[in-house]
Amino acid sequence: MRIKKVPHYTTIQKFFQKLPSGTLRKINQLILSQHDISGEIIALDGSGFTNDYADKYYAIIRAKERKSYVKNHIAIDIKTLLILNYATQRGP
């Protein structure tokens, strides 16, 4: 079976903009409650994402350097590869 139409690259972003963060947290907690998680070894990551679609180089040459971004922090259990906790904030 082949994909007949590729979704627009912003489809996931738009979905998460409409999804209340409390709902996402409840879904994650429900998934975690169904698994035996020791949390013995976890992986941590913090990544920043811009709030627009413009390429960074384009923003610099147009003198419109971004002043804000979204920072995601995530903790993942290495054994189950499940998200244990996450937090999002605006930066800087």
N, C-alpha and C. Protein backbone atom coordinates (compact mmCIF):
# COMPACT_ATOMS: atom_id res chain seq x y z
N MET A 1 0.84 -1.18 0.00
CA MET A 1 0.00 0.00 0.00
C MET A 1 0.89 1.24 0.00
N ARG A 2 0.56 2.21 -0.81
CA ARG A 2 1.33 3.44 -0.90
C ARG A 2 0.52 4.62 -0.37
N ILE A 3 1.25 5.58 0.11
CA ILE A 3 0.59 6.82 0.56
C ILE A 3 0.23 7.62 -0.68
N LYS A 4 -1.03 7.99 -0.80
CA LYS A 4 -1.48 8.72 -1.98
C LYS A 4 -1.26 10.23 -1.83
N LYS A 5 -1.32 10.71 -0.60
CA LYS A 5 -1.14 12.14 -0.38
C LYS A 5 -0.35 12.33 0.92
N VAL A 6 0.71 13.06 0.84
CA VAL A 6 1.54 13.32 2.01
C VAL A 6 0.93 14.49 2.79
N PRO A 7 0.75 14.35 4.10
CA PRO A 7 0.20 15.45 4.89
C PRO A 7 1.16 16.65 4.89
N HIS A 8 0.60 17.83 5.07
CA HIS A 8 1.41 19.04 5.15
C HIS A 8 2.33 18.93 6.35
N TYR A 9 3.53 19.49 6.24
CA TYR A 9 4.53 19.33 7.30
C TYR A 9 4.11 19.99 8.62
N THR A 10 3.09 20.82 8.61
CA THR A 10 2.65 21.47 9.85
C THR A 10 1.48 20.73 10.51
N THR A 11 1.08 19.60 9.98
CA THR A 11 -0.09 18.88 10.50
C THR A 11 0.06 18.54 11.98
N ILE A 12 1.21 18.00 12.37
CA ILE A 12 1.41 17.63 13.78
C ILE A 12 1.45 18.88 14.65
N GLN A 13 2.11 19.93 14.18
CA GLN A 13 2.18 21.18 14.94
C GLN A 13 0.77 21.73 15.18
N LYS A 14 -0.06 21.73 14.17
CA LYS A 14 -1.43 22.24 14.32
C LYS A 14 -2.24 21.37 15.27
N PHE A 15 -2.03 20.06 15.21
CA PHE A 15 -2.73 19.15 16.12
C PHE A 15 -2.39 19.49 17.58
N PHE A 16 -1.10 19.66 17.87
CA PHE A 16 -0.69 19.93 19.24
C PHE A 16 -1.09 21.32 19.70
N GLN A 17 -1.26 22.26 18.78
CA GLN A 17 -1.75 23.58 19.17
C GLN A 17 -3.20 23.51 19.64
N LYS A 18 -3.97 22.59 19.06
CA LYS A 18 -5.39 22.45 19.42
C LYS A 18 -5.59 21.55 20.64
N LEU A 19 -4.65 20.66 20.90
CA LEU A 19 -4.77 19.71 22.00
C LEU A 19 -4.39 20.37 23.32
N PRO A 20 -5.30 20.42 24.29
CA PRO A 20 -4.95 21.00 25.58
C PRO A 20 -3.82 20.21 26.24
N SER A 21 -2.88 20.92 26.85
CA SER A 21 -1.72 20.24 27.46
C SER A 21 -2.15 19.29 28.58
N GLY A 22 -3.23 19.61 29.28
CA GLY A 22 -3.72 18.72 30.32
C GLY A 22 -4.17 17.37 29.77
N THR A 23 -4.76 17.39 28.59
CA THR A 23 -5.20 16.16 27.94
C THR A 23 -4.00 15.30 27.55
N LEU A 24 -2.99 15.93 27.01
CA LEU A 24 -1.78 15.21 26.63
C LEU A 24 -1.12 14.59 27.86
N ARG A 25 -1.09 15.32 28.97
CA ARG A 25 -0.50 14.80 30.20
C ARG A 25 -1.30 13.60 30.72
N LYS A 26 -2.63 13.67 30.65
CA LYS A 26 -3.47 12.55 31.10
C LYS A 26 -3.24 11.31 30.24
N ILE A 27 -3.12 11.51 28.93
CA ILE A 27 -2.86 10.38 28.03
C ILE A 27 -1.52 9.73 28.38
N ASN A 28 -0.51 10.56 28.62
CA ASN A 28 0.81 10.04 28.97
C ASN A 28 0.77 9.27 30.29
N GLN A 29 0.07 9.80 31.28
CA GLN A 29 -0.04 9.12 32.57
C GLN A 29 -0.77 7.78 32.42
N LEU A 30 -1.79 7.74 31.56
CA LEU A 30 -2.51 6.49 31.32
C LEU A 30 -1.59 5.44 30.70
N ILE A 31 -0.80 5.85 29.74
CA ILE A 31 0.16 4.93 29.10
C ILE A 31 1.17 4.43 30.13
N LEU A 32 1.69 5.33 30.95
CA LEU A 32 2.68 4.94 31.96
C LEU A 32 2.09 3.97 32.98
N SER A 33 0.82 4.16 33.32
CA SER A 33 0.20 3.28 34.33
C SER A 33 0.04 1.84 33.82
N GLN A 34 0.12 1.64 32.52
CA GLN A 34 -0.04 0.32 31.92
C GLN A 34 1.28 -0.46 31.81
N HIS A 35 2.38 0.16 32.24
CA HIS A 35 3.70 -0.46 32.09
C HIS A 35 4.45 -0.49 33.42
N ASP A 36 5.30 -1.49 33.57
CA ASP A 36 6.17 -1.60 34.74
C ASP A 36 7.45 -0.83 34.44
N ILE A 37 7.59 0.33 35.06
CA ILE A 37 8.73 1.20 34.77
C ILE A 37 9.57 1.35 36.03
N SER A 38 10.84 0.98 35.92
CA SER A 38 11.73 1.09 37.07
C SER A 38 12.36 2.48 37.15
N GLY A 39 12.58 3.11 36.01
CA GLY A 39 13.24 4.42 35.99
C GLY A 39 14.68 4.34 36.44
N GLU A 40 15.27 3.15 36.34
CA GLU A 40 16.65 2.94 36.78
C GLU A 40 17.62 3.81 35.98
N ILE A 41 17.44 3.83 34.68
CA ILE A 41 18.27 4.67 33.81
C ILE A 41 17.34 5.50 32.94
N ILE A 42 17.53 6.82 32.98
CA ILE A 42 16.71 7.70 32.15
C ILE A 42 17.59 8.57 31.28
N ALA A 43 17.02 9.01 30.18
CA ALA A 43 17.71 9.95 29.28
C ALA A 43 17.00 11.28 29.38
N LEU A 44 17.77 12.35 29.43
CA LEU A 44 17.23 13.71 29.52
C LEU A 44 17.61 14.49 28.27
N ASP A 45 16.70 15.34 27.82
CA ASP A 45 16.99 16.19 26.67
C ASP A 45 16.28 17.51 26.84
N GLY A 46 16.91 18.55 26.35
CA GLY A 46 16.31 19.87 26.30
C GLY A 46 16.60 20.45 24.93
N SER A 47 15.56 20.70 24.16
CA SER A 47 15.72 21.21 22.80
C SER A 47 14.88 22.46 22.61
N GLY A 48 15.42 23.41 21.85
CA GLY A 48 14.69 24.63 21.55
C GLY A 48 14.18 24.62 20.13
N PHE A 49 12.98 25.16 19.93
CA PHE A 49 12.36 25.23 18.62
C PHE A 49 11.83 26.63 18.40
N THR A 50 11.97 27.14 17.19
CA THR A 50 11.46 28.47 16.89
C THR A 50 9.95 28.42 16.70
N ASN A 51 9.33 29.58 16.79
CA ASN A 51 7.88 29.68 16.71
C ASN A 51 7.37 29.95 15.29
N ASP A 52 8.26 29.99 14.32
CA ASP A 52 7.81 30.29 12.96
C ASP A 52 8.40 29.31 11.97
N TYR A 53 8.09 29.52 10.71
CA TYR A 53 8.51 28.60 9.67
C TYR A 53 9.76 29.07 8.94
N ALA A 54 10.19 30.30 9.19
CA ALA A 54 11.30 30.88 8.44
C ALA A 54 12.62 30.19 8.79
N ASP A 55 13.43 30.02 7.82
CA ASP A 55 14.77 29.47 7.98
C ASP A 55 15.63 30.47 8.77
N LYS A 56 16.51 29.99 9.65
CA LYS A 56 17.33 30.88 10.48
C LYS A 56 18.21 31.79 9.63
N TYR A 57 18.81 31.26 8.57
CA TYR A 57 19.65 32.07 7.69
C TYR A 57 18.82 33.20 7.08
N TYR A 58 17.62 32.90 6.61
CA TYR A 58 16.75 33.90 6.01
C TYR A 58 16.43 35.00 7.04
N ALA A 59 16.14 34.59 8.27
CA ALA A 59 15.82 35.56 9.32
C ALA A 59 17.01 36.49 9.59
N ILE A 60 18.22 35.95 9.57
CA ILE A 60 19.41 36.77 9.83
C ILE A 60 19.64 37.78 8.70
N ILE A 61 19.57 37.33 7.45
CA ILE A 61 19.85 38.26 6.35
C ILE A 61 18.77 39.32 6.21
N ARG A 62 17.60 39.05 6.68
CA ARG A 62 16.51 40.03 6.65
C ARG A 62 16.47 40.86 7.94
N ALA A 63 17.46 40.64 8.81
CA ALA A 63 17.56 41.37 10.09
C ALA A 63 16.32 41.17 10.94
N LYS A 64 15.78 39.98 10.90
CA LYS A 64 14.62 39.65 11.73
C LYS A 64 14.96 38.45 12.59
N GLU A 65 16.04 38.57 13.32
CA GLU A 65 16.46 37.48 14.20
C GLU A 65 15.35 37.18 15.20
N ARG A 66 15.10 35.93 15.43
CA ARG A 66 14.04 35.53 16.35
C ARG A 66 14.39 35.93 17.78
N LYS A 67 13.37 36.39 18.47
CA LYS A 67 13.59 36.79 19.85
C LYS A 67 12.98 35.80 20.84
N SER A 68 12.17 34.87 20.34
CA SER A 68 11.58 33.90 21.25
C SER A 68 11.61 32.51 20.61
N TYR A 69 11.50 31.51 21.45
CA TYR A 69 11.48 30.14 21.00
C TYR A 69 10.79 29.30 22.06
N VAL A 70 10.51 28.07 21.72
CA VAL A 70 9.91 27.13 22.66
C VAL A 70 10.99 26.14 23.08
N LYS A 71 11.11 25.92 24.38
CA LYS A 71 12.10 25.00 24.92
C LYS A 71 11.37 23.80 25.51
N ASN A 72 11.74 22.61 25.04
CA ASN A 72 11.15 21.37 25.55
C ASN A 72 12.17 20.61 26.38
N HIS A 73 11.74 20.13 27.53
CA HIS A 73 12.56 19.28 28.39
C HIS A 73 11.83 17.95 28.49
N ILE A 74 12.57 16.86 28.35
CA ILE A 74 11.93 15.55 28.33
C ILE A 74 12.80 14.53 29.07
N ALA A 75 12.14 13.62 29.79
CA ALA A 75 12.82 12.51 30.46
C ALA A 75 12.22 11.21 29.96
N ILE A 76 13.08 10.31 29.49
CA ILE A 76 12.63 9.05 28.89
C ILE A 76 13.27 7.87 29.62
N ASP A 77 12.46 6.87 29.93
CA ASP A 77 12.96 5.62 30.52
C ASP A 77 13.68 4.84 29.41
N ILE A 78 14.93 4.49 29.65
CA ILE A 78 15.74 3.81 28.63
C ILE A 78 15.21 2.40 28.32
N LYS A 79 14.73 1.70 29.31
CA LYS A 79 14.27 0.32 29.09
C LYS A 79 12.99 0.27 28.26
N THR A 80 12.00 1.09 28.59
CA THR A 80 10.70 1.03 27.89
C THR A 80 10.58 2.06 26.77
N LEU A 81 11.47 3.05 26.76
CA LEU A 81 11.44 4.15 25.79
C LEU A 81 10.17 4.99 25.90
N LEU A 82 9.59 5.03 27.10
CA LEU A 82 8.39 5.83 27.34
C LEU A 82 8.77 7.18 27.95
N ILE A 83 7.97 8.19 27.65
CA ILE A 83 8.19 9.52 28.21
C ILE A 83 7.73 9.51 29.66
N LEU A 84 8.65 9.78 30.58
CA LEU A 84 8.32 9.79 32.01
C LEU A 84 7.78 11.15 32.43
N ASN A 85 8.38 12.20 31.89
CA ASN A 85 7.96 13.55 32.25
C ASN A 85 8.43 14.50 31.17
N TYR A 86 7.75 15.62 31.05
CA TYR A 86 8.15 16.64 30.08
C TYR A 86 7.67 17.99 30.58
N ALA A 87 8.32 19.02 30.10
CA ALA A 87 7.93 20.39 30.42
C ALA A 87 8.25 21.26 29.21
N THR A 88 7.44 22.24 28.99
CA THR A 88 7.64 23.17 27.88
C THR A 88 7.59 24.58 28.42
N GLN A 89 8.47 25.42 27.90
CA GLN A 89 8.46 26.83 28.31
C GLN A 89 8.92 27.68 27.14
N ARG A 90 8.63 28.96 27.23
CA ARG A 90 9.08 29.90 26.20
C ARG A 90 10.43 30.45 26.61
N GLY A 91 11.28 30.69 25.62
CA GLY A 91 12.60 31.23 25.90
C GLY A 91 12.81 32.52 25.15
N PRO A 92 13.79 33.25 25.40
CA PRO A 92 14.82 33.01 26.42
C PRO A 92 14.33 33.35 27.81
